[in-house]
């Protein structure tokens, strides 16, 4: 069973999304939340902070869980996506680190309609995060 953590950094009515690189096996070239797999022996909070630092150089200082999602093909719900709103962080501006993503950007509610997301289930959660911010 794989556990995944996802961060919805939110500021000024926009959310930070990253585009998965073309070489990625899962959802190549689609927009995604910052995050990744929880390592063995690691708590969800620890994994969230580590993944954010590794992928975009930001350290979440305040965050709250908003949803647990499952891919539609995960019928036995073995791989939960623990999704968090992140309104406060340190590290300045987000920047792409590593090779997992090809670009990043801040997007508002109106931008989401035309975007292809890595998981269709993200759309309602992202809208919720934006509404609550």
N, C-alpha and C. Protein backbone atom coordinates (compact mmCIF):
# COMPACT_ATOMS: atom_id res chain seq x y z
N UNK A 1 0.84 -1.18 0.00
CA UNK A 1 0.00 0.00 0.00
C UNK A 1 0.88 1.24 0.00
N UNK A 2 0.66 2.13 -0.95
CA UNK A 2 1.40 3.39 -1.02
C UNK A 2 0.52 4.50 -0.47
N UNK A 3 1.10 5.33 0.37
CA UNK A 3 0.41 6.53 0.84
C UNK A 3 1.06 7.72 0.15
N UNK A 4 0.24 8.67 -0.25
CA UNK A 4 0.74 9.84 -0.94
C UNK A 4 0.26 11.08 -0.20
N UNK A 5 1.12 12.10 -0.12
CA UNK A 5 0.74 13.39 0.46
C UNK A 5 0.76 14.43 -0.65
N UNK A 6 -0.19 15.36 -0.59
CA UNK A 6 -0.32 16.40 -1.61
C UNK A 6 -0.53 17.74 -0.93
N UNK A 7 0.19 18.75 -1.39
CA UNK A 7 0.11 20.08 -0.80
C UNK A 7 -0.52 21.07 -1.76
N UNK A 8 -1.53 21.76 -1.27
CA UNK A 8 -2.14 22.85 -2.02
C UNK A 8 -1.70 24.17 -1.43
N UNK A 9 -0.54 24.66 -1.85
CA UNK A 9 -0.07 25.98 -1.41
C UNK A 9 -1.04 27.01 -1.97
N UNK A 10 -1.54 27.89 -1.11
CA UNK A 10 -2.53 28.86 -1.56
C UNK A 10 -2.17 30.26 -1.07
N UNK A 11 -2.29 31.22 -2.02
CA UNK A 11 -1.96 32.61 -1.71
C UNK A 11 -2.70 33.52 -2.68
N UNK A 12 -3.31 34.57 -2.13
CA UNK A 12 -4.01 35.57 -2.95
C UNK A 12 -5.00 34.95 -3.94
N UNK A 13 -5.75 33.95 -3.48
CA UNK A 13 -6.77 33.35 -4.32
C UNK A 13 -6.24 32.45 -5.42
N UNK A 14 -4.97 32.06 -5.31
CA UNK A 14 -4.38 31.16 -6.31
C UNK A 14 -3.70 29.98 -5.62
N UNK A 15 -3.59 28.88 -6.36
CA UNK A 15 -2.98 27.66 -5.84
C UNK A 15 -1.77 27.30 -6.70
N UNK A 16 -0.75 26.79 -6.05
CA UNK A 16 0.47 26.38 -6.76
C UNK A 16 0.28 24.97 -7.31
N UNK A 17 0.50 24.83 -8.62
CA UNK A 17 0.45 23.52 -9.27
C UNK A 17 1.74 23.30 -10.04
N UNK A 18 2.11 22.04 -10.20
CA UNK A 18 3.30 21.66 -10.94
C UNK A 18 2.90 20.73 -12.09
N UNK A 19 3.56 20.90 -13.24
CA UNK A 19 3.28 20.01 -14.37
C UNK A 19 4.25 18.84 -14.32
N UNK A 20 3.71 17.65 -14.34
CA UNK A 20 4.54 16.45 -14.31
C UNK A 20 5.34 16.36 -15.61
N UNK A 21 6.60 16.00 -15.49
CA UNK A 21 7.49 15.93 -16.64
C UNK A 21 7.04 14.85 -17.63
N UNK A 22 7.44 15.00 -18.88
CA UNK A 22 7.01 14.08 -19.94
C UNK A 22 7.54 12.65 -19.75
N UNK A 23 8.63 12.49 -19.01
CA UNK A 23 9.19 11.15 -18.81
C UNK A 23 8.52 10.38 -17.66
N UNK A 24 7.61 11.01 -16.94
CA UNK A 24 6.97 10.37 -15.79
C UNK A 24 6.02 9.26 -16.24
N UNK A 25 6.05 8.16 -15.53
CA UNK A 25 5.22 7.00 -15.86
C UNK A 25 3.74 7.30 -15.63
N UNK A 26 3.43 7.98 -14.54
CA UNK A 26 2.05 8.27 -14.17
C UNK A 26 1.70 9.71 -14.51
N UNK A 27 0.68 9.93 -15.30
CA UNK A 27 0.14 11.25 -15.61
C UNK A 27 1.17 12.24 -16.17
N UNK A 28 1.96 11.81 -17.10
CA UNK A 28 2.95 12.69 -17.73
C UNK A 28 2.28 13.92 -18.33
N UNK A 29 2.93 15.06 -18.18
CA UNK A 29 2.50 16.35 -18.73
C UNK A 29 1.21 16.91 -18.15
N UNK A 30 0.68 16.31 -17.10
CA UNK A 30 -0.55 16.81 -16.49
C UNK A 30 -0.21 17.62 -15.24
N UNK A 31 -1.12 18.52 -14.86
CA UNK A 31 -0.91 19.38 -13.70
C UNK A 31 -1.25 18.63 -12.43
N UNK A 32 -0.44 18.88 -11.40
CA UNK A 32 -0.52 18.12 -10.16
C UNK A 32 -0.29 19.04 -8.96
N UNK A 33 -0.68 18.58 -7.80
CA UNK A 33 -0.31 19.24 -6.57
C UNK A 33 1.12 18.82 -6.21
N UNK A 34 1.79 19.61 -5.44
CA UNK A 34 3.13 19.27 -4.96
C UNK A 34 2.98 18.10 -3.98
N UNK A 35 3.86 17.11 -4.06
CA UNK A 35 3.78 16.01 -3.10
C UNK A 35 4.40 14.74 -3.62
N UNK A 36 4.17 13.66 -2.88
CA UNK A 36 4.73 12.38 -3.28
C UNK A 36 4.49 11.31 -2.24
N UNK A 37 5.23 10.23 -2.37
CA UNK A 37 5.04 9.06 -1.52
C UNK A 37 5.59 9.24 -0.11
N UNK A 38 4.86 8.68 0.84
CA UNK A 38 5.30 8.63 2.23
C UNK A 38 6.29 7.47 2.34
N UNK A 39 7.46 7.74 2.90
CA UNK A 39 8.47 6.70 3.04
C UNK A 39 8.19 5.85 4.28
N UNK A 40 8.71 4.64 4.28
CA UNK A 40 8.52 3.72 5.40
C UNK A 40 9.00 4.36 6.71
N UNK A 41 8.15 4.30 7.73
CA UNK A 41 8.49 4.85 9.03
C UNK A 41 8.27 6.34 9.16
N UNK A 42 7.76 6.98 8.12
CA UNK A 42 7.57 8.42 8.10
C UNK A 42 6.09 8.75 8.35
N UNK A 43 5.84 9.78 9.13
CA UNK A 43 4.48 10.25 9.34
C UNK A 43 4.02 11.10 8.17
N UNK A 44 2.71 11.31 8.06
CA UNK A 44 2.17 12.11 6.97
C UNK A 44 2.71 13.54 6.99
N UNK A 45 2.75 14.15 8.18
CA UNK A 45 3.25 15.53 8.29
C UNK A 45 4.71 15.62 7.86
N UNK A 46 5.51 14.67 8.31
CA UNK A 46 6.94 14.65 7.93
C UNK A 46 7.10 14.52 6.42
N UNK A 47 6.32 13.62 5.83
CA UNK A 47 6.40 13.39 4.39
C UNK A 47 5.98 14.63 3.61
N UNK A 48 4.93 15.30 4.08
CA UNK A 48 4.46 16.51 3.41
C UNK A 48 5.55 17.57 3.38
N UNK A 49 6.17 17.81 4.52
CA UNK A 49 7.24 18.82 4.59
C UNK A 49 8.41 18.41 3.70
N UNK A 50 8.85 17.17 3.79
CA UNK A 50 9.98 16.69 3.00
C UNK A 50 9.71 16.82 1.50
N UNK A 51 8.56 16.35 1.06
CA UNK A 51 8.24 16.39 -0.37
C UNK A 51 8.19 17.83 -0.89
N UNK A 52 7.62 18.73 -0.12
CA UNK A 52 7.53 20.14 -0.54
C UNK A 52 8.92 20.76 -0.65
N UNK A 53 9.77 20.47 0.31
CA UNK A 53 11.14 21.00 0.28
C UNK A 53 11.90 20.43 -0.92
N UNK A 54 11.73 19.13 -1.18
CA UNK A 54 12.45 18.48 -2.28
C UNK A 54 11.97 18.95 -3.66
N UNK A 55 10.68 19.20 -3.80
CA UNK A 55 10.13 19.49 -5.12
C UNK A 55 10.12 20.97 -5.50
N UNK A 56 9.81 21.84 -4.51
CA UNK A 56 9.69 23.27 -4.85
C UNK A 56 10.43 24.19 -3.88
N UNK A 57 11.16 23.63 -2.91
CA UNK A 57 11.97 24.45 -2.01
C UNK A 57 11.19 25.23 -0.97
N UNK A 58 9.94 24.85 -0.72
CA UNK A 58 9.12 25.52 0.29
C UNK A 58 8.91 24.60 1.48
N UNK A 59 8.93 25.18 2.69
CA UNK A 59 8.70 24.42 3.92
C UNK A 59 7.36 24.84 4.52
N UNK A 60 6.37 23.96 4.47
CA UNK A 60 5.07 24.29 5.07
C UNK A 60 5.22 24.55 6.57
N UNK A 61 4.63 25.67 7.03
CA UNK A 61 4.64 26.00 8.45
C UNK A 61 3.28 25.77 9.09
N UNK A 62 2.23 25.90 8.30
CA UNK A 62 0.86 25.63 8.76
C UNK A 62 0.14 24.91 7.62
N UNK A 63 -0.59 23.87 7.96
CA UNK A 63 -1.34 23.13 6.95
C UNK A 63 -2.44 22.35 7.62
N UNK A 64 -3.50 22.11 6.87
CA UNK A 64 -4.59 21.30 7.39
C UNK A 64 -5.09 20.35 6.31
N UNK A 65 -5.41 19.16 6.75
CA UNK A 65 -5.88 18.14 5.83
C UNK A 65 -7.29 18.49 5.37
N UNK A 66 -7.49 18.46 4.06
CA UNK A 66 -8.81 18.79 3.53
C UNK A 66 -9.52 17.59 2.90
N UNK A 67 -8.78 16.56 2.53
CA UNK A 67 -9.41 15.40 1.90
C UNK A 67 -8.45 14.22 1.82
N UNK A 68 -9.03 13.05 1.71
CA UNK A 68 -8.30 11.85 1.34
C UNK A 68 -8.96 11.34 0.08
N UNK A 69 -8.20 11.29 -1.00
CA UNK A 69 -8.71 10.90 -2.31
C UNK A 69 -8.14 9.56 -2.73
N UNK A 70 -8.85 8.93 -3.66
CA UNK A 70 -8.38 7.69 -4.28
C UNK A 70 -8.59 7.80 -5.77
N UNK A 71 -7.65 7.26 -6.53
CA UNK A 71 -7.84 7.21 -7.98
C UNK A 71 -9.05 6.34 -8.28
N UNK A 72 -9.75 6.64 -9.35
CA UNK A 72 -10.94 5.87 -9.70
C UNK A 72 -10.62 4.40 -9.96
N UNK A 73 -9.42 4.12 -10.44
CA UNK A 73 -9.06 2.71 -10.71
C UNK A 73 -8.58 1.98 -9.46
N UNK A 74 -8.45 2.68 -8.34
CA UNK A 74 -8.03 2.08 -7.07
C UNK A 74 -9.28 1.61 -6.31
N UNK A 75 -9.92 0.58 -6.85
CA UNK A 75 -11.21 0.12 -6.33
C UNK A 75 -11.14 -0.35 -4.88
N UNK A 76 -10.01 -0.89 -4.47
CA UNK A 76 -9.86 -1.38 -3.08
C UNK A 76 -9.30 -0.31 -2.15
N UNK A 77 -9.13 0.89 -2.68
CA UNK A 77 -8.65 2.04 -1.93
C UNK A 77 -7.39 1.71 -1.11
N UNK A 78 -6.38 1.25 -1.83
CA UNK A 78 -5.11 0.88 -1.21
C UNK A 78 -4.08 2.01 -1.20
N UNK A 79 -4.28 3.03 -2.04
CA UNK A 79 -3.30 4.12 -2.13
C UNK A 79 -3.97 5.47 -1.91
N UNK A 80 -4.10 5.88 -0.65
CA UNK A 80 -4.73 7.17 -0.37
C UNK A 80 -3.84 8.35 -0.71
N UNK A 81 -4.47 9.40 -1.22
CA UNK A 81 -3.83 10.68 -1.48
C UNK A 81 -4.31 11.63 -0.39
N UNK A 82 -3.47 11.87 0.62
CA UNK A 82 -3.80 12.76 1.73
C UNK A 82 -3.50 14.18 1.27
N UNK A 83 -4.54 15.00 1.15
CA UNK A 83 -4.43 16.32 0.54
C UNK A 83 -4.58 17.42 1.58
N UNK A 84 -3.65 18.36 1.56
CA UNK A 84 -3.57 19.43 2.56
C UNK A 84 -3.61 20.80 1.91
N UNK A 85 -4.25 21.74 2.61
CA UNK A 85 -4.15 23.16 2.25
C UNK A 85 -2.96 23.72 3.02
N UNK A 86 -2.12 24.49 2.34
CA UNK A 86 -0.93 25.07 2.95
C UNK A 86 -0.97 26.59 2.76
N UNK A 87 -1.45 27.33 3.78
CA UNK A 87 -1.53 28.78 3.66
C UNK A 87 -0.29 29.53 4.14
N UNK A 88 0.63 28.82 4.82
CA UNK A 88 1.80 29.49 5.40
C UNK A 88 3.03 28.61 5.23
N UNK A 89 4.10 29.23 4.74
CA UNK A 89 5.35 28.49 4.50
C UNK A 89 6.52 29.44 4.56
N UNK A 90 7.72 28.85 4.57
CA UNK A 90 8.93 29.65 4.44
C UNK A 90 9.70 29.12 3.24
N UNK A 91 10.58 29.97 2.73
CA UNK A 91 11.38 29.57 1.58
C UNK A 91 11.25 30.51 0.40
N UNK A 92 10.44 31.55 0.56
CA UNK A 92 10.32 32.53 -0.52
C UNK A 92 9.48 32.03 -1.67
N UNK A 93 9.99 32.22 -2.88
CA UNK A 93 9.28 31.81 -4.09
C UNK A 93 9.51 30.33 -4.39
N UNK A 94 8.50 29.67 -4.88
CA UNK A 94 8.63 28.27 -5.30
C UNK A 94 9.52 28.19 -6.52
N UNK A 95 10.33 27.15 -6.58
CA UNK A 95 11.15 26.90 -7.76
C UNK A 95 11.21 25.41 -8.01
N UNK A 96 11.36 25.02 -9.25
CA UNK A 96 11.42 23.60 -9.59
C UNK A 96 12.77 23.02 -9.17
N UNK A 97 12.71 21.96 -8.41
CA UNK A 97 13.92 21.24 -8.01
C UNK A 97 13.80 19.82 -8.52
N UNK A 98 14.87 19.24 -8.96
CA UNK A 98 14.82 17.87 -9.48
C UNK A 98 14.24 17.81 -10.88
N UNK A 99 13.87 16.59 -11.29
CA UNK A 99 13.41 16.38 -12.66
C UNK A 99 11.98 15.85 -12.75
N UNK A 100 11.26 15.84 -11.64
CA UNK A 100 9.90 15.28 -11.64
C UNK A 100 8.91 16.16 -12.38
N UNK A 101 9.17 17.48 -12.43
CA UNK A 101 8.22 18.42 -13.02
C UNK A 101 8.92 19.31 -14.06
N UNK A 102 8.13 19.77 -15.02
CA UNK A 102 8.68 20.60 -16.08
C UNK A 102 8.35 22.08 -15.92
N UNK A 103 7.31 22.41 -15.15
CA UNK A 103 6.98 23.81 -14.90
C UNK A 103 6.08 23.91 -13.68
N UNK A 104 5.95 25.13 -13.18
CA UNK A 104 5.05 25.40 -12.07
C UNK A 104 4.37 26.72 -12.30
N UNK A 105 3.27 26.93 -11.59
CA UNK A 105 2.57 28.20 -11.72
C UNK A 105 1.49 28.33 -10.67
N UNK A 106 1.03 29.55 -10.50
CA UNK A 106 -0.06 29.87 -9.57
C UNK A 106 -1.32 30.07 -10.40
N UNK A 107 -2.40 29.38 -10.01
CA UNK A 107 -3.61 29.39 -10.81
C UNK A 107 -4.84 29.69 -9.96
N UNK A 108 -5.74 30.47 -10.53
CA UNK A 108 -6.99 30.80 -9.88
C UNK A 108 -8.11 29.88 -10.33
N UNK A 109 -9.23 30.05 -9.70
CA UNK A 109 -10.42 29.25 -9.98
C UNK A 109 -10.74 29.19 -11.48
N UNK A 110 -10.67 30.35 -12.15
CA UNK A 110 -11.03 30.42 -13.57
C UNK A 110 -10.05 29.64 -14.45
N UNK A 111 -8.82 29.49 -14.01
CA UNK A 111 -7.81 28.75 -14.78
C UNK A 111 -8.06 27.24 -14.78
N UNK A 112 -8.67 26.75 -13.73
CA UNK A 112 -8.80 25.30 -13.55
C UNK A 112 -9.69 24.63 -14.58
N UNK A 113 -10.66 25.36 -15.11
CA UNK A 113 -11.61 24.75 -16.04
C UNK A 113 -10.92 24.14 -17.25
N UNK A 114 -9.89 24.79 -17.75
CA UNK A 114 -9.22 24.33 -18.97
C UNK A 114 -8.01 23.43 -18.69
N UNK A 115 -7.69 23.22 -17.43
CA UNK A 115 -6.47 22.46 -17.12
C UNK A 115 -6.73 20.96 -17.05
N UNK A 116 -5.75 20.21 -17.55
CA UNK A 116 -5.79 18.76 -17.42
C UNK A 116 -5.03 18.40 -16.15
N UNK A 117 -5.74 17.86 -15.17
CA UNK A 117 -5.14 17.52 -13.89
C UNK A 117 -4.73 16.06 -13.84
N UNK A 118 -3.69 15.77 -13.06
CA UNK A 118 -3.19 14.40 -12.92
C UNK A 118 -4.28 13.46 -12.39
N UNK A 119 -5.13 13.99 -11.54
CA UNK A 119 -6.28 13.23 -11.03
C UNK A 119 -7.52 14.11 -11.16
N UNK A 120 -8.54 13.68 -11.88
CA UNK A 120 -9.76 14.48 -11.99
C UNK A 120 -10.36 14.81 -10.61
N UNK A 121 -10.13 13.93 -9.65
CA UNK A 121 -10.65 14.13 -8.29
C UNK A 121 -10.05 15.37 -7.62
N UNK A 122 -8.92 15.84 -8.09
CA UNK A 122 -8.29 17.03 -7.52
C UNK A 122 -9.16 18.28 -7.68
N UNK A 123 -9.88 18.36 -8.79
CA UNK A 123 -10.58 19.60 -9.14
C UNK A 123 -11.46 20.11 -7.99
N UNK A 124 -12.31 19.26 -7.43
CA UNK A 124 -13.22 19.72 -6.37
C UNK A 124 -12.45 20.08 -5.11
N UNK A 125 -11.37 19.38 -4.81
CA UNK A 125 -10.57 19.68 -3.62
C UNK A 125 -9.83 21.01 -3.81
N UNK A 126 -9.28 21.24 -4.98
CA UNK A 126 -8.59 22.50 -5.26
C UNK A 126 -9.57 23.66 -5.14
N UNK A 127 -10.75 23.49 -5.70
CA UNK A 127 -11.77 24.54 -5.60
C UNK A 127 -12.14 24.81 -4.14
N UNK A 128 -12.23 23.74 -3.35
CA UNK A 128 -12.52 23.89 -1.92
C UNK A 128 -11.40 24.66 -1.21
N UNK A 129 -10.16 24.31 -1.52
CA UNK A 129 -9.01 25.01 -0.90
C UNK A 129 -9.04 26.49 -1.26
N UNK A 130 -9.32 26.80 -2.52
CA UNK A 130 -9.37 28.19 -2.95
C UNK A 130 -10.53 28.93 -2.29
N UNK A 131 -11.65 28.27 -2.15
CA UNK A 131 -12.82 28.90 -1.53
C UNK A 131 -12.57 29.19 -0.05
N UNK A 132 -11.88 28.28 0.62
CA UNK A 132 -11.64 28.42 2.05
C UNK A 132 -10.51 29.39 2.38
N UNK A 133 -9.72 29.77 1.37
CA UNK A 133 -8.56 30.63 1.64
C UNK A 133 -8.93 32.10 1.77
